[in-house]
N, C-alpha and C. Protein backbone atom coordinates (compact mmCIF):
# COMPACT_ATOMS: atom_id res chain seq x y z
N MET A 1 -12.99 -36.54 -3.45
CA MET A 1 -12.24 -35.57 -2.37
C MET A 1 -13.64 -34.56 -1.61
N ALA A 2 -13.86 -34.76 -0.25
CA ALA A 2 -14.45 -34.55 0.48
C ALA A 2 -15.36 -33.22 0.58
N ALA A 3 -16.04 -32.79 0.76
CA ALA A 3 -17.01 -31.51 0.91
C ALA A 3 -16.19 -30.59 2.02
N ASP A 4 -16.14 -29.26 1.76
CA ASP A 4 -15.66 -28.29 3.04
C ASP A 4 -16.98 -28.70 3.85
N ARG A 5 -16.25 -28.48 5.23
CA ARG A 5 -17.64 -28.37 6.11
C ARG A 5 -17.78 -27.08 6.37
N PRO A 6 -19.26 -26.36 7.32
CA PRO A 6 -19.42 -25.14 7.39
C PRO A 6 -18.70 -24.26 8.56
N VAL A 7 -18.20 -23.32 8.37
CA VAL A 7 -17.26 -22.91 9.81
C VAL A 7 -18.17 -21.84 10.20
N LEU A 8 -19.27 -22.23 11.59
CA LEU A 8 -20.21 -21.40 12.06
C LEU A 8 -19.41 -20.23 12.84
N PHE A 9 -20.27 -19.07 12.69
CA PHE A 9 -20.18 -17.60 13.26
C PHE A 9 -21.47 -17.74 14.12
N GLY A 10 -21.31 -16.77 15.33
CA GLY A 10 -21.95 -16.08 16.10
C GLY A 10 -22.24 -14.75 14.73
N ARG A 11 -23.71 -13.95 15.46
CA ARG A 11 -23.22 -12.38 14.74
C ARG A 11 -22.53 -11.50 15.48
N LYS A 12 -21.98 -11.42 16.28
CA LYS A 12 -20.73 -10.74 16.46
C LYS A 12 -19.13 -11.04 16.82
N VAL A 13 -18.80 -10.56 15.47
CA VAL A 13 -17.46 -11.26 15.63
C VAL A 13 -16.40 -10.29 15.55
N ALA A 14 -15.27 -10.55 16.43
CA ALA A 14 -13.92 -10.00 16.49
C ALA A 14 -12.78 -10.49 15.47
N VAL A 15 -12.02 -9.45 14.76
CA VAL A 15 -11.18 -9.86 14.15
C VAL A 15 -9.79 -9.39 14.80
N TYR A 16 -8.84 -10.19 15.07
CA TYR A 16 -7.75 -10.07 15.43
C TYR A 16 -6.44 -10.30 14.79
N GLY A 17 -5.41 -9.38 14.62
CA GLY A 17 -4.18 -10.23 14.05
C GLY A 17 -3.02 -8.42 13.87
N PRO A 18 -1.59 -8.87 13.77
CA PRO A 18 -0.95 -8.20 13.72
C PRO A 18 -1.61 -7.02 12.19
N SER A 19 -0.84 -5.85 12.30
CA SER A 19 -0.85 -4.89 11.22
C SER A 19 0.13 -5.64 10.32
N GLY A 20 -0.97 -5.52 9.11
CA GLY A 20 -0.42 -6.28 7.95
C GLY A 20 -0.58 -8.20 7.65
N SER A 21 -1.18 -8.22 8.74
CA SER A 21 -2.05 -9.72 8.75
C SER A 21 -3.47 -9.76 7.99
N GLY A 22 -3.79 -9.32 7.37
CA GLY A 22 -5.02 -9.10 6.46
C GLY A 22 -6.43 -8.98 7.37
N LYS A 23 -6.26 -8.43 8.33
CA LYS A 23 -7.51 -8.10 9.35
C LYS A 23 -8.47 -7.12 8.29
N SER A 24 -8.45 -6.45 7.59
CA SER A 24 -9.57 -5.53 7.60
C SER A 24 -9.90 -5.97 6.04
N THR A 25 -9.00 -7.05 5.04
CA THR A 25 -9.36 -7.56 4.35
C THR A 25 -10.55 -8.96 4.56
N LEU A 26 -9.96 -9.61 5.68
CA LEU A 26 -11.09 -10.79 5.84
C LEU A 26 -12.07 -10.44 6.98
N ALA A 27 -11.82 -9.07 7.12
CA ALA A 27 -13.28 -8.43 7.93
C ALA A 27 -14.59 -8.26 7.03
N ARG A 28 -13.73 -7.57 6.04
CA ARG A 28 -14.54 -7.44 4.79
C ARG A 28 -15.37 -8.49 4.07
N ALA A 29 -14.52 -9.14 3.87
CA ALA A 29 -14.70 -10.74 3.51
C ALA A 29 -15.91 -11.10 4.28
N LEU A 30 -15.45 -11.56 5.77
CA LEU A 30 -16.49 -11.96 6.31
C LEU A 30 -18.21 -10.99 6.82
N GLY A 31 -17.60 -10.16 6.72
CA GLY A 31 -18.88 -8.77 6.54
C GLY A 31 -19.73 -9.50 5.98
N GLU A 32 -19.58 -9.48 4.43
CA GLU A 32 -19.88 -9.26 2.88
C GLU A 32 -20.68 -11.17 3.16
N ARG A 33 -20.15 -12.04 3.33
CA ARG A 33 -20.53 -13.34 3.54
C ARG A 33 -21.43 -13.54 4.79
N LEU A 34 -21.65 -13.08 5.55
CA LEU A 34 -22.45 -13.31 6.91
C LEU A 34 -23.33 -12.28 6.68
N GLY A 35 -23.33 -11.22 6.38
CA GLY A 35 -24.24 -9.82 6.21
C GLY A 35 -24.71 -9.27 7.21
N LEU A 36 -23.18 -9.03 7.74
CA LEU A 36 -22.90 -8.15 8.95
C LEU A 36 -22.18 -6.91 8.70
N PRO A 37 -22.55 -5.40 9.29
CA PRO A 37 -21.81 -4.43 9.07
C PRO A 37 -20.05 -4.80 9.75
N VAL A 38 -19.20 -4.34 9.08
CA VAL A 38 -17.83 -3.64 9.72
C VAL A 38 -17.29 -2.60 10.13
N VAL A 39 -16.63 -2.46 10.85
CA VAL A 39 -16.03 -1.53 11.71
C VAL A 39 -14.93 -1.99 12.14
N GLU A 40 -14.02 -0.75 11.52
CA GLU A 40 -12.45 -0.93 11.64
C GLU A 40 -12.03 0.22 12.41
N LEU A 41 -11.47 -0.71 13.47
CA LEU A 41 -10.86 0.34 14.50
C LEU A 41 -10.20 1.35 14.31
N ASP A 42 -9.22 1.19 13.41
CA ASP A 42 -8.26 2.24 13.03
C ASP A 42 -9.46 3.27 12.42
N ALA A 43 -10.31 3.39 11.85
CA ALA A 43 -10.83 4.31 11.26
C ALA A 43 -11.70 5.24 11.97
N VAL A 44 -12.12 4.45 13.37
CA VAL A 44 -12.20 5.06 14.74
C VAL A 44 -11.36 5.23 15.40
N TYR A 45 -9.80 5.40 15.85
CA TYR A 45 -8.89 5.86 16.86
C TYR A 45 -8.61 6.58 15.62
N HIS A 46 -8.52 7.13 14.97
CA HIS A 46 -7.39 8.19 13.94
C HIS A 46 -8.99 8.79 13.44
N ALA A 47 -9.39 9.84 14.17
CA ALA A 47 -10.68 10.07 14.09
C ALA A 47 -10.55 11.44 13.17
N ARG A 48 -9.63 12.36 13.27
CA ARG A 48 -9.32 13.70 12.57
C ARG A 48 -7.82 13.41 11.59
N PRO A 49 -7.66 14.31 10.67
CA PRO A 49 -6.59 14.65 9.89
C PRO A 49 -5.29 15.00 10.72
N GLY A 50 -4.60 14.69 10.24
CA GLY A 50 -2.98 14.84 10.20
C GLY A 50 -2.65 13.87 11.87
N TRP A 51 -3.30 12.65 11.90
CA TRP A 51 -3.22 11.79 12.81
C TRP A 51 -3.29 12.28 14.14
N ASP A 52 -4.08 12.92 14.70
CA ASP A 52 -4.76 14.07 15.74
C ASP A 52 -5.96 12.40 16.18
N ASP A 53 -5.16 11.53 16.99
CA ASP A 53 -5.85 10.38 17.17
C ASP A 53 -7.04 10.99 18.45
N LEU A 54 -8.06 9.93 18.86
CA LEU A 54 -9.16 9.96 19.61
C LEU A 54 -7.96 9.94 21.15
N GLU A 55 -8.25 10.78 22.16
CA GLU A 55 -7.77 10.40 23.85
C GLU A 55 -8.75 9.08 24.02
N LEU A 56 -8.16 8.40 25.23
CA LEU A 56 -8.90 7.14 25.01
C LEU A 56 -9.68 6.93 25.66
N GLU A 57 -10.37 7.76 26.81
CA GLU A 57 -11.81 7.51 26.92
C GLU A 57 -12.59 7.93 25.76
N ASP A 58 -12.33 8.92 24.97
CA ASP A 58 -13.66 9.29 23.68
C ASP A 58 -13.27 8.16 22.82
N PHE A 59 -12.09 7.16 22.46
CA PHE A 59 -12.19 6.37 21.74
C PHE A 59 -13.09 5.32 22.52
N ARG A 60 -12.97 4.97 23.74
CA ARG A 60 -13.53 3.84 24.24
C ARG A 60 -15.60 4.21 24.37
N GLN A 61 -15.70 6.05 24.50
CA GLN A 61 -16.87 5.70 24.33
C GLN A 61 -17.47 5.72 22.90
N ALA A 62 -16.19 5.93 21.80
CA ALA A 62 -16.93 5.71 20.68
C ALA A 62 -16.87 4.29 20.27
N VAL A 63 -16.19 3.62 20.73
CA VAL A 63 -16.33 2.03 20.46
C VAL A 63 -18.03 1.74 21.03
N ARG A 64 -17.84 1.66 22.39
CA ARG A 64 -19.45 1.80 22.91
C ARG A 64 -20.50 2.03 22.35
N GLY A 65 -20.54 3.23 21.40
CA GLY A 65 -21.46 3.43 20.74
C GLY A 65 -22.02 3.14 19.16
N LEU A 66 -20.66 2.66 18.97
CA LEU A 66 -20.64 1.69 17.81
C LEU A 66 -21.49 0.29 18.11
N LEU A 67 -21.08 -0.26 19.55
CA LEU A 67 -21.55 -1.62 19.54
C LEU A 67 -22.83 -1.51 20.15
N GLU A 68 -23.71 -0.33 20.67
CA GLU A 68 -24.55 0.13 20.67
C GLU A 68 -25.50 -0.18 19.38
N ARG A 69 -25.20 1.21 18.56
CA ARG A 69 -25.71 0.97 17.41
C ARG A 69 -25.57 0.09 16.17
N HIS A 70 -24.84 -1.14 16.27
CA HIS A 70 -25.17 -2.08 15.74
C HIS A 70 -25.34 -3.59 16.86
N ALA A 71 -26.27 -3.38 17.52
CA ALA A 71 -26.59 -4.36 18.24
C ALA A 71 -27.09 -5.79 17.74
N ASP A 72 -27.34 -5.72 16.62
CA ASP A 72 -27.91 -6.97 16.19
C ASP A 72 -27.03 -7.62 15.33
N GLY A 73 -25.52 -7.34 15.02
CA GLY A 73 -24.73 -8.05 15.05
C GLY A 73 -23.40 -6.99 14.11
N TRP A 74 -22.20 -7.37 14.13
CA TRP A 74 -20.91 -6.89 13.40
C TRP A 74 -20.00 -7.51 13.36
N VAL A 75 -18.99 -7.09 12.72
CA VAL A 75 -17.65 -7.60 12.94
C VAL A 75 -17.15 -6.61 13.20
N PHE A 76 -16.21 -6.78 14.19
CA PHE A 76 -15.04 -5.66 14.22
C PHE A 76 -13.79 -5.94 14.42
N GLU A 77 -12.56 -5.13 13.58
CA GLU A 77 -11.35 -5.22 13.48
C GLU A 77 -10.95 -4.61 13.92
N GLY A 78 -9.63 -4.82 14.33
CA GLY A 78 -8.52 -3.93 15.14
C GLY A 78 -8.24 -4.51 16.05
N ASN A 79 -6.76 -4.29 16.63
CA ASN A 79 -5.54 -4.60 17.98
C ASN A 79 -5.53 -3.70 19.18
N TYR A 80 -6.56 -3.01 19.16
CA TYR A 80 -6.42 -1.76 20.46
C TYR A 80 -7.03 -2.57 21.61
N ARG A 81 -5.72 -2.99 22.03
CA ARG A 81 -6.00 -3.37 23.44
C ARG A 81 -6.84 -2.71 24.38
N PRO A 82 -6.78 -1.61 24.46
CA PRO A 82 -7.95 -0.44 25.39
C PRO A 82 -9.24 -0.77 25.01
N VAL A 83 -9.29 -1.37 24.32
CA VAL A 83 -11.19 -1.25 24.16
C VAL A 83 -11.63 -2.85 23.64
N ARG A 84 -10.15 -3.48 23.80
CA ARG A 84 -10.66 -4.77 23.40
C ARG A 84 -11.84 -5.56 24.55
N ASP A 85 -11.79 -4.86 25.68
CA ASP A 85 -12.71 -5.55 27.06
C ASP A 85 -14.04 -5.40 26.33
N LEU A 86 -14.25 -4.01 26.05
CA LEU A 86 -15.64 -3.74 25.05
C LEU A 86 -15.69 -4.79 24.22
N VAL A 87 -15.05 -4.88 22.99
CA VAL A 87 -15.39 -5.58 21.88
C VAL A 87 -15.84 -7.28 22.71
N LEU A 88 -14.93 -7.45 23.40
CA LEU A 88 -14.87 -9.18 23.93
C LEU A 88 -16.31 -9.39 24.74
N ALA A 89 -16.63 -8.60 25.07
CA ALA A 89 -17.62 -8.54 26.29
C ALA A 89 -18.89 -8.95 25.71
N GLU A 90 -19.10 -8.77 24.12
CA GLU A 90 -20.50 -9.26 23.67
C GLU A 90 -19.95 -10.12 22.19
N ALA A 91 -18.43 -10.07 21.61
CA ALA A 91 -18.57 -10.78 20.79
C ALA A 91 -18.67 -12.76 20.91
N GLU A 92 -19.23 -13.27 20.12
CA GLU A 92 -19.60 -14.74 20.33
C GLU A 92 -18.41 -15.30 19.20
N THR A 93 -17.77 -14.85 18.39
CA THR A 93 -16.80 -15.51 17.57
C THR A 93 -15.54 -14.51 17.51
N ALA A 94 -14.60 -15.00 17.74
CA ALA A 94 -13.07 -14.00 17.54
C ALA A 94 -12.08 -15.22 16.29
N VAL A 95 -11.89 -14.38 15.61
CA VAL A 95 -10.91 -14.72 14.46
C VAL A 95 -9.18 -14.08 14.93
N TRP A 96 -8.31 -14.91 15.08
CA TRP A 96 -7.19 -14.49 15.60
C TRP A 96 -6.15 -15.10 14.25
N LEU A 97 -5.74 -13.99 13.51
CA LEU A 97 -5.07 -14.01 12.46
C LEU A 97 -3.42 -14.21 13.01
N ASP A 98 -2.85 -15.39 13.33
CA ASP A 98 -1.87 -15.80 13.81
C ASP A 98 -0.70 -16.16 12.66
N LEU A 99 -0.37 -15.62 11.49
CA LEU A 99 0.24 -16.05 10.45
C LEU A 99 1.58 -15.65 10.72
N PRO A 100 2.89 -16.78 10.10
CA PRO A 100 4.17 -16.12 9.98
C PRO A 100 4.61 -14.71 9.89
N PHE A 101 5.77 -14.36 10.91
CA PHE A 101 6.12 -13.01 10.81
C PHE A 101 6.58 -12.71 9.21
N ALA A 102 7.36 -13.48 8.74
CA ALA A 102 7.84 -12.86 7.52
C ALA A 102 6.58 -12.81 6.55
N LEU A 103 5.91 -13.15 6.35
CA LEU A 103 4.68 -13.05 5.33
C LEU A 103 3.94 -11.88 6.07
N VAL A 104 3.59 -12.12 7.23
CA VAL A 104 2.81 -10.61 7.83
C VAL A 104 3.67 -8.93 7.55
N TYR A 105 4.92 -9.35 7.42
CA TYR A 105 6.21 -8.19 7.29
C TYR A 105 5.63 -8.08 6.11
N TRP A 106 6.12 -8.84 5.02
CA TRP A 106 6.32 -8.61 3.66
C TRP A 106 4.81 -7.83 3.26
N ARG A 107 3.79 -8.57 3.77
CA ARG A 107 2.63 -7.38 3.28
C ARG A 107 2.19 -6.38 4.05
N LEU A 108 2.95 -6.31 5.29
CA LEU A 108 2.99 -4.58 5.95
C LEU A 108 4.02 -3.67 4.79
N ALA A 109 4.92 -4.38 4.56
CA ALA A 109 5.85 -3.44 3.94
C ALA A 109 5.69 -2.80 2.79
N TRP A 110 4.66 -3.78 1.73
CA TRP A 110 4.30 -4.09 0.77
C TRP A 110 3.12 -2.83 0.30
N ARG A 111 2.50 -2.96 1.63
CA ARG A 111 0.87 -2.55 1.86
C ARG A 111 1.43 -0.71 1.86
N THR A 112 2.57 -0.43 3.06
CA THR A 112 2.63 0.85 3.66
C THR A 112 3.78 1.33 2.38
N ILE A 113 4.60 0.90 2.16
CA ILE A 113 5.30 1.51 0.75
C ILE A 113 4.51 1.97 -0.78
N SER A 114 3.15 1.03 -1.08
CA SER A 114 2.70 1.54 -2.28
C SER A 114 1.62 2.57 -1.63
N ARG A 115 1.12 2.34 -0.31
CA ARG A 115 0.00 3.75 0.16
C ARG A 115 1.28 5.01 0.28
N SER A 116 2.66 4.73 0.86
CA SER A 116 2.88 5.95 0.50
C SER A 116 3.47 6.83 -0.50
N PHE A 117 3.77 5.70 -1.85
CA PHE A 117 3.87 6.39 -2.87
C PHE A 117 2.63 7.02 -3.68
N ARG A 118 1.63 6.66 -3.23
CA ARG A 118 0.12 6.88 -4.09
C ARG A 118 -0.05 8.11 -3.17
N GLY A 119 0.11 8.08 -2.04
CA GLY A 119 -0.68 9.36 -1.09
C GLY A 119 -1.89 9.00 -1.09
N GLU A 120 -2.19 7.51 -0.76
CA GLU A 120 -3.58 6.90 -0.16
C GLU A 120 -4.34 7.93 0.60
N GLU A 121 -5.53 8.13 0.98
CA GLU A 121 -6.29 8.39 2.25
C GLU A 121 -6.44 7.03 2.74
N LEU A 122 -6.07 7.07 4.23
CA LEU A 122 -6.69 5.76 4.89
C LEU A 122 -7.76 5.85 5.84
N TRP A 123 -7.59 6.87 6.49
CA TRP A 123 -9.04 7.14 7.16
C TRP A 123 -8.60 8.51 7.85
N ASN A 124 -10.36 9.18 7.39
CA ASN A 124 -10.53 10.65 7.64
C ASN A 124 -9.37 11.75 7.94
N GLY A 125 -8.77 12.01 6.28
CA GLY A 125 -7.83 12.54 5.94
C GLY A 125 -6.27 12.24 6.21
N ASN A 126 -6.09 11.32 6.86
CA ASN A 126 -4.77 10.81 7.20
C ASN A 126 -4.04 9.52 6.13
N ARG A 127 -2.83 10.09 5.86
CA ARG A 127 -2.04 9.41 4.50
C ARG A 127 -0.95 9.30 5.36
N GLU A 128 -0.48 7.90 4.88
CA GLU A 128 1.19 7.62 5.18
C GLU A 128 2.10 8.62 3.71
N THR A 129 2.98 8.57 4.57
CA THR A 129 3.64 9.47 3.31
C THR A 129 5.12 8.96 3.35
N LEU A 130 5.69 9.05 2.56
CA LEU A 130 7.67 8.36 2.32
C LEU A 130 8.24 9.05 3.14
N ARG A 131 8.39 10.05 3.88
CA ARG A 131 8.65 10.84 4.97
C ARG A 131 8.96 9.68 5.85
N GLN A 132 7.29 9.90 6.16
CA GLN A 132 6.63 9.45 7.55
C GLN A 132 7.31 7.10 7.20
N THR A 133 6.87 6.93 5.97
CA THR A 133 7.37 5.68 6.00
C THR A 133 8.69 5.10 6.77
N PHE A 134 9.75 6.04 5.97
CA PHE A 134 10.89 5.82 5.88
C PHE A 134 12.09 6.71 6.79
N LEU A 135 11.58 7.77 7.42
CA LEU A 135 12.58 8.66 8.16
C LEU A 135 11.95 9.04 9.51
N SER A 136 11.31 8.28 9.88
CA SER A 136 10.04 8.67 10.68
C SER A 136 10.05 7.82 12.26
N ARG A 137 10.13 7.65 13.08
CA ARG A 137 9.76 6.69 14.22
C ARG A 137 8.75 6.40 14.44
N ASP A 138 7.61 7.39 13.75
CA ASP A 138 6.16 6.83 13.52
C ASP A 138 5.97 5.85 12.43
N SER A 139 7.26 5.07 11.95
CA SER A 139 7.15 4.35 10.34
C SER A 139 6.55 2.72 11.01
N MET A 140 5.19 2.44 9.81
CA MET A 140 4.83 1.35 9.99
C MET A 140 5.89 0.03 9.56
N LEU A 141 6.88 0.49 9.16
CA LEU A 141 7.54 -0.59 8.96
C LEU A 141 8.74 -0.72 10.25
N LEU A 142 9.12 0.08 10.77
CA LEU A 142 9.28 -0.22 12.28
C LEU A 142 8.24 -0.62 13.47
N TRP A 143 7.26 -0.18 13.29
CA TRP A 143 5.73 -0.67 13.94
C TRP A 143 5.72 -2.04 13.78
N GLY A 144 6.07 -2.54 12.59
CA GLY A 144 5.54 -3.70 12.33
C GLY A 144 7.07 -5.30 13.04
N LEU A 145 8.15 -4.23 12.92
CA LEU A 145 9.20 -4.99 13.82
C LEU A 145 9.03 -5.25 15.04
N THR A 146 8.39 -3.86 15.53
CA THR A 146 8.85 -3.90 17.15
C THR A 146 7.47 -4.77 17.99
N ALA A 147 6.41 -4.46 17.41
CA ALA A 147 5.24 -4.84 17.77
C ALA A 147 4.56 -6.18 17.70
N PHE A 148 5.39 -6.76 16.64
CA PHE A 148 4.86 -8.37 16.08
C PHE A 148 4.81 -8.93 17.42
N ARG A 149 5.86 -9.45 18.02
CA ARG A 149 5.78 -10.24 19.69
C ARG A 149 4.60 -9.85 20.59
N ARG A 150 4.67 -8.32 20.80
CA ARG A 150 3.96 -7.73 22.16
C ARG A 150 2.32 -8.14 21.74
N SER A 151 2.13 -7.70 20.12
CA SER A 151 0.75 -8.02 20.09
C SER A 151 0.06 -9.21 19.81
N ARG A 152 1.10 -10.25 19.54
CA ARG A 152 0.62 -11.57 19.40
C ARG A 152 0.68 -12.43 21.04
N ALA A 153 1.80 -11.83 22.06
CA ALA A 153 1.41 -12.25 23.56
C ALA A 153 -0.05 -11.52 23.88
N SER A 154 -0.35 -9.93 23.53
CA SER A 154 -1.47 -9.95 24.49
C SER A 154 -3.22 -10.29 23.62
N VAL A 155 -3.08 -10.47 22.35
CA VAL A 155 -4.04 -11.31 22.12
C VAL A 155 -4.42 -12.68 22.33
N ALA A 156 -3.24 -13.50 22.35
CA ALA A 156 -3.49 -15.05 23.12
C ALA A 156 -3.38 -14.59 24.57
N GLU A 157 -2.88 -13.76 25.12
CA GLU A 157 -3.61 -13.79 26.54
C GLU A 157 -5.17 -13.08 26.60
N SER A 158 -5.86 -12.51 25.92
CA SER A 158 -7.05 -11.93 26.17
C SER A 158 -7.78 -13.14 25.34
N LEU A 159 -7.27 -13.83 24.47
CA LEU A 159 -8.41 -14.73 23.90
C LEU A 159 -8.43 -15.97 25.05
N ARG A 160 -7.32 -16.23 25.77
CA ARG A 160 -6.97 -17.31 26.52
C ARG A 160 -8.50 -17.16 27.87
N GLY A 161 -8.59 -15.98 28.08
CA GLY A 161 -9.10 -15.51 29.15
C GLY A 161 -10.70 -15.46 28.99
N TRP A 162 -11.08 -15.35 27.47
CA TRP A 162 -12.24 -15.20 27.10
C TRP A 162 -12.88 -16.28 26.69
N ARG A 163 -12.17 -17.64 26.42
CA ARG A 163 -12.95 -18.69 25.77
C ARG A 163 -13.68 -19.16 26.72
N GLN A 164 -15.14 -19.47 26.81
CA GLN A 164 -16.26 -20.40 27.30
C GLN A 164 -17.28 -20.86 26.69
N PRO A 165 -18.10 -21.61 26.93
CA PRO A 165 -18.65 -21.82 26.54
C PRO A 165 -19.78 -21.25 25.64
N GLY A 166 -19.87 -21.18 24.40
CA GLY A 166 -20.86 -20.60 23.33
C GLY A 166 -19.97 -19.37 22.91
N ARG A 167 -18.44 -19.37 22.84
CA ARG A 167 -17.55 -18.68 22.08
C ARG A 167 -16.97 -19.26 21.85
N THR A 168 -16.43 -18.99 20.20
CA THR A 168 -15.71 -19.22 19.55
C THR A 168 -14.43 -19.12 19.33
N VAL A 169 -13.18 -19.08 19.07
CA VAL A 169 -11.77 -18.62 18.54
C VAL A 169 -11.35 -19.76 17.54
N TYR A 170 -11.17 -19.06 16.27
CA TYR A 170 -10.60 -19.25 15.47
C TYR A 170 -9.04 -18.77 14.84
N ARG A 171 -8.07 -19.72 15.60
CA ARG A 171 -6.97 -19.24 14.84
C ARG A 171 -6.13 -19.55 13.84
N LEU A 172 -5.84 -18.71 13.18
CA LEU A 172 -5.10 -19.33 11.78
C LEU A 172 -4.17 -18.86 11.76
N ARG A 173 -3.20 -20.06 10.73
CA ARG A 173 -1.72 -20.13 11.31
C ARG A 173 -1.61 -20.06 9.34
N THR A 174 -2.21 -20.14 8.66
CA THR A 174 -1.78 -20.41 7.36
C THR A 174 -2.67 -19.28 6.21
N PRO A 175 -2.41 -19.03 4.74
CA PRO A 175 -3.40 -18.18 4.56
C PRO A 175 -4.40 -19.14 4.03
N GLY A 176 -4.02 -20.52 3.21
CA GLY A 176 -5.05 -21.60 3.10
C GLY A 176 -6.14 -21.72 4.47
N GLN A 177 -5.90 -21.33 5.97
CA GLN A 177 -6.74 -21.83 6.28
C GLN A 177 -7.76 -20.39 6.24
N VAL A 178 -7.08 -19.01 5.84
CA VAL A 178 -8.06 -18.16 6.04
C VAL A 178 -8.94 -18.45 4.70
N GLY A 179 -8.09 -18.97 3.61
CA GLY A 179 -9.27 -19.05 2.36
C GLY A 179 -10.21 -19.93 2.86
N TYR A 180 -10.33 -20.90 3.70
CA TYR A 180 -11.31 -22.05 3.83
C TYR A 180 -12.26 -21.30 4.67
N LEU A 181 -11.75 -20.65 5.64
CA LEU A 181 -12.63 -19.99 6.92
C LEU A 181 -13.66 -19.05 5.89
N VAL A 182 -12.94 -18.49 4.78
CA VAL A 182 -13.89 -17.49 4.27
C VAL A 182 -14.78 -18.02 3.15
N ARG A 183 -14.83 -19.29 2.49
CA ARG A 183 -15.31 -19.55 1.92
C ARG A 183 -16.24 -20.43 2.51
N ASN A 184 -16.73 -20.64 3.81
CA ASN A 184 -17.30 -21.99 4.42
C ASN A 184 -17.78 -21.32 5.40
N ALA A 185 -17.77 -20.01 5.92
CA ALA A 185 -18.22 -18.95 6.94
C ALA A 185 -19.69 -18.72 6.47
N ARG A 186 -20.69 -19.68 8.03
CA ARG A 186 -22.14 -19.44 7.88
C ARG A 186 -22.35 -19.05 9.22
N LEU A 187 -23.70 -18.12 9.30
CA LEU A 187 -24.08 -17.52 10.46
C LEU A 187 -24.56 -19.36 11.40
N GLU A 188 -24.30 -19.44 12.58
CA GLU A 188 -25.59 -20.26 13.16
C GLU A 188 -26.79 -19.91 13.46
N GLU A 189 -27.34 -20.96 13.38
CA GLU A 189 -28.84 -20.95 13.48
C GLU A 189 -29.23 -20.44 14.77
N ARG A 190 -30.49 -19.71 14.98
CA ARG A 190 -30.35 -19.19 16.49
C ARG A 190 -31.58 -20.39 16.58
N ARG A 191 -31.36 -20.65 18.38
CA ARG A 191 -32.34 -21.45 18.51
C ARG A 191 -33.65 -20.90 19.47
N ALA A 192 -34.59 -20.99 18.94
CA ALA A 192 -36.03 -20.41 19.54
C ALA A 192 -35.70 -20.53 20.93
N GLY A 193 -36.03 -19.37 21.46
CA GLY A 193 -36.08 -19.47 23.15
C GLY A 193 -37.23 -19.81 23.77
């Protein structure tokens, strides 16, 4: 059996994919493997309890601040189109979790319902509740059904225009590809200038 080949990463990594695709899990694994800090954009956007989210310009300013604070490298994860331009302007590697809808939705449903039953805090005092999950227009179960295609098209468009020499996109379509990427992730050697 042939040995796995290294999967090379720059020091600034953007992770995209729909809700339930495993962005946070992948970002944490890559951060640990590559020795880079991880920024979860949900934690930035959902900044205050009661789902009192940041206004657009405040969100952009917070992301700018995090990019400056972690100038030596980072793994940013989150599908927020309003700040994608900021993250991709500095990213060297993008990972797109483009997994099948059935798998992603099953994961999203399991995660959302489990969190709702446990009353688990997600970010900054915010929790998913049973009422929100099953009886609200803000339900992640509804979001997962309505946003999947739109999210996929938006990420595809952003990454299509982003590809240039020195930038790498890893588009992952199966859990096996995700596992391979994590197992074999390595930082590229920086060349002395």
